[in-house]
Amino acid sequence: MLGTFDTMLTATDPELGYPADDYRLVQRWAWFSLSDDTYPTGNLIDWADGSLTPLGQSYARYVGASIP
C-alpha cells in the first residue's frame, strides 16, 4: 500500500504527464477500503472491535492522521 502511495505521488513522465502538475501521472487518488470481505488484506479497520488494523495504523502514520 505505502509503495503504491509513493508511486502515485511521485510518478512523472514528460510525454504522458500533466504539464501543469510537473508532468505527474496521477493528480488525485484515494484509498477506498475500510473493510472488504473480498480483499481482507486491504482492511484498515477491524469491524469486530472498531480498532485500526496494522495496515490501518500504517495508513494513519503515512497520512499524518491522528486516529484513535
PDB file of N, CA and C in Angstrom:
ATOM      1  N   MET A   1       0.828  -1.179   0.000  1.00  0.00           N
ATOM      2  CA  MET A   1       0.000   0.000   0.000  1.00  0.00           C
ATOM      3  C   MET A   1       0.874   1.245   0.000  1.00  0.00           C
ATOM      4  N   LEU A   2       1.836   1.316   0.909  1.00  0.00           N
ATOM      5  CA  LEU A   2       2.634   2.532   1.020  1.00  0.00           C
ATOM      6  C   LEU A   2       3.484   2.762  -0.225  1.00  0.00           C
ATOM      7  N   GLY A   3       4.006   1.684  -0.808  1.00  0.00           N
ATOM      8  CA  GLY A   3       4.763   1.806  -2.047  1.00  0.00           C
ATOM      9  C   GLY A   3       3.894   2.338  -3.176  1.00  0.00           C
ATOM     10  N   THR A   4       2.644   1.890  -3.207  1.00  0.00           N
ATOM     11  CA  THR A   4       1.699   2.390  -4.208  1.00  0.00           C
ATOM     12  C   THR A   4       1.457   3.884  -4.002  1.00  0.00           C
ATOM     13  N   PHE A   5       1.289   4.304  -2.753  1.00  0.00           N
ATOM     14  CA  PHE A   5       1.096   5.722  -2.464  1.00  0.00           C
ATOM     15  C   PHE A   5       2.297   6.533  -2.954  1.00  0.00           C
ATOM     16  N   ASP A   6       3.509   6.036  -2.636  1.00  0.00           N
ATOM     17  CA  ASP A   6       4.717   6.752  -3.062  1.00  0.00           C
ATOM     18  C   ASP A   6       4.756   6.895  -4.582  1.00  0.00           C
ATOM     19  N   THR A   7       4.408   5.826  -5.280  1.00  0.00           N
ATOM     20  CA  THR A   7       4.408   5.863  -6.742  1.00  0.00           C
ATOM     21  C   THR A   7       3.385   6.867  -7.254  1.00  0.00           C
ATOM     22  N   MET A   8       2.183   6.837  -6.709  1.00  0.00           N
ATOM     23  CA  MET A   8       1.149   7.759  -7.186  1.00  0.00           C
ATOM     24  C   MET A   8       1.498   9.217  -6.904  1.00  0.00           C
ATOM     25  N   LEU A   9       2.241   9.459  -5.852  1.00  0.00           N
ATOM     26  CA  LEU A   9       2.623  10.829  -5.510  1.00  0.00           C
ATOM     27  C   LEU A   9       3.806  11.338  -6.326  1.00  0.00           C
ATOM     28  N   THR A  10       4.627  10.437  -6.860  1.00  0.00           N
ATOM     29  CA  THR A  10       5.881  10.889  -7.470  1.00  0.00           C
ATOM     30  C   THR A  10       6.077  10.517  -8.940  1.00  0.00           C
ATOM     31  N   ALA A  11       5.259   9.634  -9.499  1.00  0.00           N
ATOM     32  CA  ALA A  11       5.465   9.198 -10.884  1.00  0.00           C
ATOM     33  C   ALA A  11       5.264  10.359 -11.861  1.00  0.00           C
ATOM     34  N   THR A  12       6.250  10.555 -12.714  1.00  0.00           N
ATOM     35  CA  THR A  12       6.178  11.605 -13.728  1.00  0.00           C
ATOM     36  C   THR A  12       6.619  11.051 -15.079  1.00  0.00           C
ATOM     37  N   ASP A  13       6.193  11.735 -16.123  1.00  0.00           N
ATOM     38  CA  ASP A  13       6.610  11.388 -17.476  1.00  0.00           C
ATOM     39  C   ASP A  13       6.413  12.636 -18.340  1.00  0.00           C
ATOM     40  N   PRO A  14       7.484  13.123 -18.971  1.00  0.00           N
ATOM     41  CA  PRO A  14       7.360  14.353 -19.745  1.00  0.00           C
ATOM     42  C   PRO A  14       6.474  14.218 -20.986  1.00  0.00           C
ATOM     43  N   GLU A  15       6.211  13.004 -21.427  1.00  0.00           N
ATOM     44  CA  GLU A  15       5.351  12.818 -22.598  1.00  0.00           C
ATOM     45  C   GLU A  15       3.899  12.552 -22.216  1.00  0.00           C
ATOM     46  N   LEU A  16       3.679  11.846 -21.109  1.00  0.00           N
ATOM     47  CA  LEU A  16       2.320  11.459 -20.719  1.00  0.00           C
ATOM     48  C   LEU A  16       1.749  12.281 -19.575  1.00  0.00           C
ATOM     49  N   GLY A  17       2.611  12.847 -18.747  1.00  0.00           N
ATOM     50  CA  GLY A  17       2.170  13.548 -17.551  1.00  0.00           C
ATOM     51  C   GLY A  17       1.470  14.862 -17.840  1.00  0.00           C
ATOM     52  N   TYR A  18       0.864  15.395 -16.801  1.00  0.00           N
ATOM     53  CA  TYR A  18       0.122  16.650 -16.884  1.00  0.00           C
ATOM     54  C   TYR A  18       1.098  17.819 -16.696  1.00  0.00           C
ATOM     55  N   PRO A  19       1.349  18.616 -17.729  1.00  0.00           N
ATOM     56  CA  PRO A  19       2.350  19.683 -17.647  1.00  0.00           C
ATOM     57  C   PRO A  19       2.131  20.661 -16.493  1.00  0.00           C
ATOM     58  N   ALA A  20       0.890  21.007 -16.203  1.00  0.00           N
ATOM     59  CA  ALA A  20       0.609  21.963 -15.130  1.00  0.00           C
ATOM     60  C   ALA A  20       0.905  21.392 -13.740  1.00  0.00           C
ATOM     61  N   ASP A  21       1.157  20.101 -13.673  1.00  0.00           N
ATOM     62  CA  ASP A  21       1.451  19.438 -12.396  1.00  0.00           C
ATOM     63  C   ASP A  21       2.839  18.789 -12.459  1.00  0.00           C
ATOM     64  N   ASP A  22       3.781  19.476 -13.073  1.00  0.00           N
ATOM     65  CA  ASP A  22       5.159  18.974 -13.202  1.00  0.00           C
ATOM     66  C   ASP A  22       5.221  17.595 -13.851  1.00  0.00           C
ATOM     67  N   TYR A  23       4.307  17.339 -14.770  1.00  0.00           N
ATOM     68  CA  TYR A  23       4.250  16.095 -15.546  1.00  0.00           C
ATOM     69  C   TYR A  23       3.952  14.850 -14.697  1.00  0.00           C
ATOM     70  N   ARG A  24       3.291  15.062 -13.570  1.00  0.00           N
ATOM     71  CA  ARG A  24       2.877  13.905 -12.759  1.00  0.00           C
ATOM     72  C   ARG A  24       1.843  13.098 -13.528  1.00  0.00           C
ATOM     73  N   LEU A  25       1.870  11.794 -13.318  1.00  0.00           N
ATOM     74  CA  LEU A  25       0.935  10.895 -13.989  1.00  0.00           C
ATOM     75  C   LEU A  25      -0.384  10.765 -13.241  1.00  0.00           C
ATOM     76  N   VAL A  26      -0.372  11.033 -11.943  1.00  0.00           N
ATOM     77  CA  VAL A  26      -1.584  10.908 -11.126  1.00  0.00           C
ATOM     78  C   VAL A  26      -1.794  12.227 -10.390  1.00  0.00           C
ATOM     79  N   GLN A  27      -2.964  12.833 -10.603  1.00  0.00           N
ATOM     80  CA  GLN A  27      -3.256  14.084  -9.917  1.00  0.00           C
ATOM     81  C   GLN A  27      -4.103  13.889  -8.659  1.00  0.00           C
ATOM     82  N   ARG A  28      -4.955  12.876  -8.671  1.00  0.00           N
ATOM     83  CA  ARG A  28      -5.811  12.614  -7.497  1.00  0.00           C
ATOM     84  C   ARG A  28      -5.999  11.119  -7.331  1.00  0.00           C
ATOM     85  N   TRP A  29      -6.070  10.702  -6.082  1.00  0.00           N
ATOM     86  CA  TRP A  29      -6.326   9.301  -5.794  1.00  0.00           C
ATOM     87  C   TRP A  29      -6.843   9.185  -4.365  1.00  0.00           C
ATOM     88  N   ALA A  30      -7.425   8.052  -4.059  1.00  0.00           N
ATOM     89  CA  ALA A  30      -7.931   7.796  -2.697  1.00  0.00           C
ATOM     90  C   ALA A  30      -7.894   6.301  -2.420  1.00  0.00           C
ATOM     91  N   TRP A  31      -7.628   5.956  -1.193  1.00  0.00           N
ATOM     92  CA  TRP A  31      -7.708   4.570  -0.743  1.00  0.00           C
ATOM     93  C   TRP A  31      -9.133   4.372  -0.254  1.00  0.00           C
ATOM     94  N   PHE A  32      -9.845   3.422  -0.810  1.00  0.00           N
ATOM     95  CA  PHE A  32     -11.279   3.337  -0.567  1.00  0.00           C
ATOM     96  C   PHE A  32     -11.701   2.291   0.447  1.00  0.00           C
ATOM     97  N   SER A  33     -10.861   1.360   0.788  1.00  0.00           N
ATOM     98  CA  SER A  33     -11.317   0.184   1.522  1.00  0.00           C
ATOM     99  C   SER A  33     -11.092   0.285   3.023  1.00  0.00           C
ATOM    100  N   LEU A  34     -12.177   0.437   3.764  1.00  0.00           N
ATOM    101  CA  LEU A  34     -12.078   0.276   5.216  1.00  0.00           C
ATOM    102  C   LEU A  34     -12.198  -1.192   5.568  1.00  0.00           C
ATOM    103  N   SER A  35     -13.128  -1.862   4.917  1.00  0.00           N
ATOM    104  CA  SER A  35     -13.343  -3.287   5.159  1.00  0.00           C
ATOM    105  C   SER A  35     -14.026  -3.880   3.942  1.00  0.00           C
ATOM    106  N   ASP A  36     -13.442  -4.933   3.398  1.00  0.00           N
ATOM    107  CA  ASP A  36     -13.977  -5.580   2.208  1.00  0.00           C
ATOM    108  C   ASP A  36     -13.722  -7.075   2.324  1.00  0.00           C
ATOM    109  N   ASP A  37     -14.781  -7.850   2.431  1.00  0.00           N
ATOM    110  CA  ASP A  37     -14.627  -9.294   2.582  1.00  0.00           C
ATOM    111  C   ASP A  37     -13.955  -9.938   1.375  1.00  0.00           C
ATOM    112  N   THR A  38     -14.064  -9.309   0.210  1.00  0.00           N
ATOM    113  CA  THR A  38     -13.446  -9.850  -0.991  1.00  0.00           C
ATOM    114  C   THR A  38     -11.928  -9.740  -0.927  1.00  0.00           C
ATOM    115  N   TYR A  39     -11.434  -8.636  -0.381  1.00  0.00           N
ATOM    116  CA  TYR A  39      -9.998  -8.385  -0.268  1.00  0.00           C
ATOM    117  C   TYR A  39      -9.651  -8.047   1.184  1.00  0.00           C
ATOM    118  N   PRO A  40      -9.664  -9.008   2.086  1.00  0.00           N
ATOM    119  CA  PRO A  40      -9.465  -8.712   3.511  1.00  0.00           C
ATOM    120  C   PRO A  40      -8.080  -8.157   3.843  1.00  0.00           C
ATOM    121  N   THR A  41      -7.119  -8.322   2.953  1.00  0.00           N
ATOM    122  CA  THR A  41      -5.789  -7.779   3.250  1.00  0.00           C
ATOM    123  C   THR A  41      -5.733  -6.267   3.087  1.00  0.00           C
ATOM    124  N   GLY A  42      -6.793  -5.651   2.560  1.00  0.00           N
ATOM    125  CA  GLY A  42      -6.834  -4.207   2.403  1.00  0.00           C
ATOM    126  C   GLY A  42      -7.598  -3.500   3.496  1.00  0.00           C
ATOM    127  N   ASN A  43      -8.059  -4.245   4.490  1.00  0.00           N
ATOM    128  CA  ASN A  43      -8.877  -3.649   5.547  1.00  0.00           C
ATOM    129  C   ASN A  43      -8.072  -2.707   6.433  1.00  0.00           C
ATOM    130  N   LEU A  44      -8.603  -1.538   6.642  1.00  0.00           N
ATOM    131  CA  LEU A  44      -7.978  -0.558   7.527  1.00  0.00           C
ATOM    132  C   LEU A  44      -8.549  -0.632   8.941  1.00  0.00           C
ATOM    133  N   ILE A  45      -9.753  -1.176   9.072  1.00  0.00           N
ATOM    134  CA  ILE A  45     -10.435  -1.248  10.363  1.00  0.00           C
ATOM    135  C   ILE A  45     -10.895  -2.674  10.635  1.00  0.00           C
ATOM    136  N   ASP A  46     -10.774  -3.085  11.876  1.00  0.00           N
ATOM    137  CA  ASP A  46     -11.339  -4.358  12.323  1.00  0.00           C
ATOM    138  C   ASP A  46     -12.737  -4.053  12.841  1.00  0.00           C
ATOM    139  N   TRP A  47     -13.743  -4.444  12.069  1.00  0.00           N
ATOM    140  CA  TRP A  47     -15.117  -4.099  12.431  1.00  0.00           C
ATOM    141  C   TRP A  47     -15.599  -4.825  13.679  1.00  0.00           C
ATOM    142  N   ALA A  48     -14.948  -5.894  14.085  1.00  0.00           N
ATOM    143  CA  ALA A  48     -15.361  -6.612  15.290  1.00  0.00           C
ATOM    144  C   ALA A  48     -15.201  -5.748  16.537  1.00  0.00           C
ATOM    145  N   ASP A  49     -14.115  -4.966  16.583  1.00  0.00           N
ATOM    146  CA  ASP A  49     -13.899  -4.135  17.773  1.00  0.00           C
ATOM    147  C   ASP A  49     -13.682  -2.653  17.450  1.00  0.00           C
ATOM    148  N   GLY A  50     -13.710  -2.284  16.169  1.00  0.00           N
ATOM    149  CA  GLY A  50     -13.580  -0.889  15.777  1.00  0.00           C
ATOM    150  C   GLY A  50     -12.167  -0.344  15.793  1.00  0.00           C
ATOM    151  N   SER A  51     -11.194  -1.210  15.999  1.00  0.00           N
ATOM    152  CA  SER A  51      -9.804  -0.738  16.055  1.00  0.00           C
ATOM    153  C   SER A  51      -9.174  -0.733  14.665  1.00  0.00           C
ATOM    154  N   LEU A  52      -8.109   0.032  14.548  1.00  0.00           N
ATOM    155  CA  LEU A  52      -7.350   0.024  13.303  1.00  0.00           C
ATOM    156  C   LEU A  52      -6.569  -1.286  13.207  1.00  0.00           C
ATOM    157  N   THR A  53      -6.531  -1.835  12.012  1.00  0.00           N
ATOM    158  CA  THR A  53      -5.679  -2.999  11.759  1.00  0.00           C
ATOM    159  C   THR A  53      -4.239  -2.501  11.654  1.00  0.00           C
ATOM    160  N   PRO A  54      -3.265  -3.402  11.620  1.00  0.00           N
ATOM    161  CA  PRO A  54      -1.890  -2.942  11.389  1.00  0.00           C
ATOM    162  C   PRO A  54      -1.768  -2.116  10.102  1.00  0.00           C
ATOM    163  N   LEU A  55      -2.495  -2.512   9.051  1.00  0.00           N
ATOM    164  CA  LEU A  55      -2.488  -1.734   7.816  1.00  0.00           C
ATOM    165  C   LEU A  55      -3.111  -0.359   8.044  1.00  0.00           C
ATOM    166  N   GLY A  56      -4.189  -0.310   8.814  1.00  0.00           N
ATOM    167  CA  GLY A  56      -4.825   0.961   9.148  1.00  0.00           C
ATOM    168  C   GLY A  56      -3.892   1.868   9.926  1.00  0.00           C
ATOM    169  N   GLN A  57      -3.109   1.287  10.817  1.00  0.00           N
ATOM    170  CA  GLN A  57      -2.137   2.066  11.576  1.00  0.00           C
ATOM    171  C   GLN A  57      -1.060   2.630  10.658  1.00  0.00           C
ATOM    172  N   SER A  58      -0.610   1.825   9.697  1.00  0.00           N
ATOM    173  CA  SER A  58       0.377   2.306   8.725  1.00  0.00           C
ATOM    174  C   SER A  58      -0.197   3.442   7.893  1.00  0.00           C
ATOM    175  N   TYR A  59      -1.442   3.290   7.473  1.00  0.00           N
ATOM    176  CA  TYR A  59      -2.108   4.341   6.690  1.00  0.00           C
ATOM    177  C   TYR A  59      -2.178   5.630   7.503  1.00  0.00           C
ATOM    178  N   ALA A  60      -2.582   5.521   8.767  1.00  0.00           N
ATOM    179  CA  ALA A  60      -2.705   6.705   9.617  1.00  0.00           C
ATOM    180  C   ALA A  60      -1.354   7.403   9.776  1.00  0.00           C
ATOM    181  N   ARG A  61      -0.298   6.634   9.977  1.00  0.00           N
ATOM    182  CA  ARG A  61       1.035   7.236  10.090  1.00  0.00           C
ATOM    183  C   ARG A  61       1.432   7.913   8.779  1.00  0.00           C
ATOM    184  N   TYR A  62       1.125   7.270   7.656  1.00  0.00           N
ATOM    185  CA  TYR A  62       1.525   7.801   6.352  1.00  0.00           C
ATOM    186  C   TYR A  62       0.856   9.142   6.067  1.00  0.00           C
ATOM    187  N   VAL A  63      -0.411   9.238   6.346  1.00  0.00           N
ATOM    188  CA  VAL A  63      -1.129  10.483   6.035  1.00  0.00           C
ATOM    189  C   VAL A  63      -1.022  11.503   7.167  1.00  0.00           C
ATOM    190  N   GLY A  64      -0.346  11.132   8.256  1.00  0.00           N
ATOM    191  CA  GLY A  64      -0.156  12.054   9.353  1.00  0.00           C
ATOM    192  C   GLY A  64      -1.406  12.283  10.165  1.00  0.00           C
ATOM    193  N   ALA A  65      -2.318  11.324  10.109  1.00  0.00           N
ATOM    194  CA  ALA A  65      -3.597  11.469  10.807  1.00  0.00           C
ATOM    195  C   ALA A  65      -3.435  11.103  12.276  1.00  0.00           C
ATOM    196  N   SER A  66      -4.269  11.697  13.067  1.00  0.00           N
ATOM    197  CA  SER A  66      -4.360  11.337  14.473  1.00  0.00           C
ATOM    198  C   SER A  66      -5.686  10.622  14.662  1.00  0.00           C
ATOM    199  N   ILE A  67      -5.654   9.311  14.525  1.00  0.00           N
ATOM    200  CA  ILE A  67      -6.867   8.497  14.617  1.00  0.00           C
ATOM    201  C   ILE A  67      -6.757   7.631  15.856  1.00  0.00           C
ATOM    202  N   PRO A  68      -7.743   7.701  16.738  1.00  0.00           N
ATOM    203  CA  PRO A  68      -7.655   6.895  17.967  1.00  0.00           C
ATOM    204  C   PRO A  68      -7.674   5.406  17.690  1.00  0.00           C
TER     205      PRO A  68
END
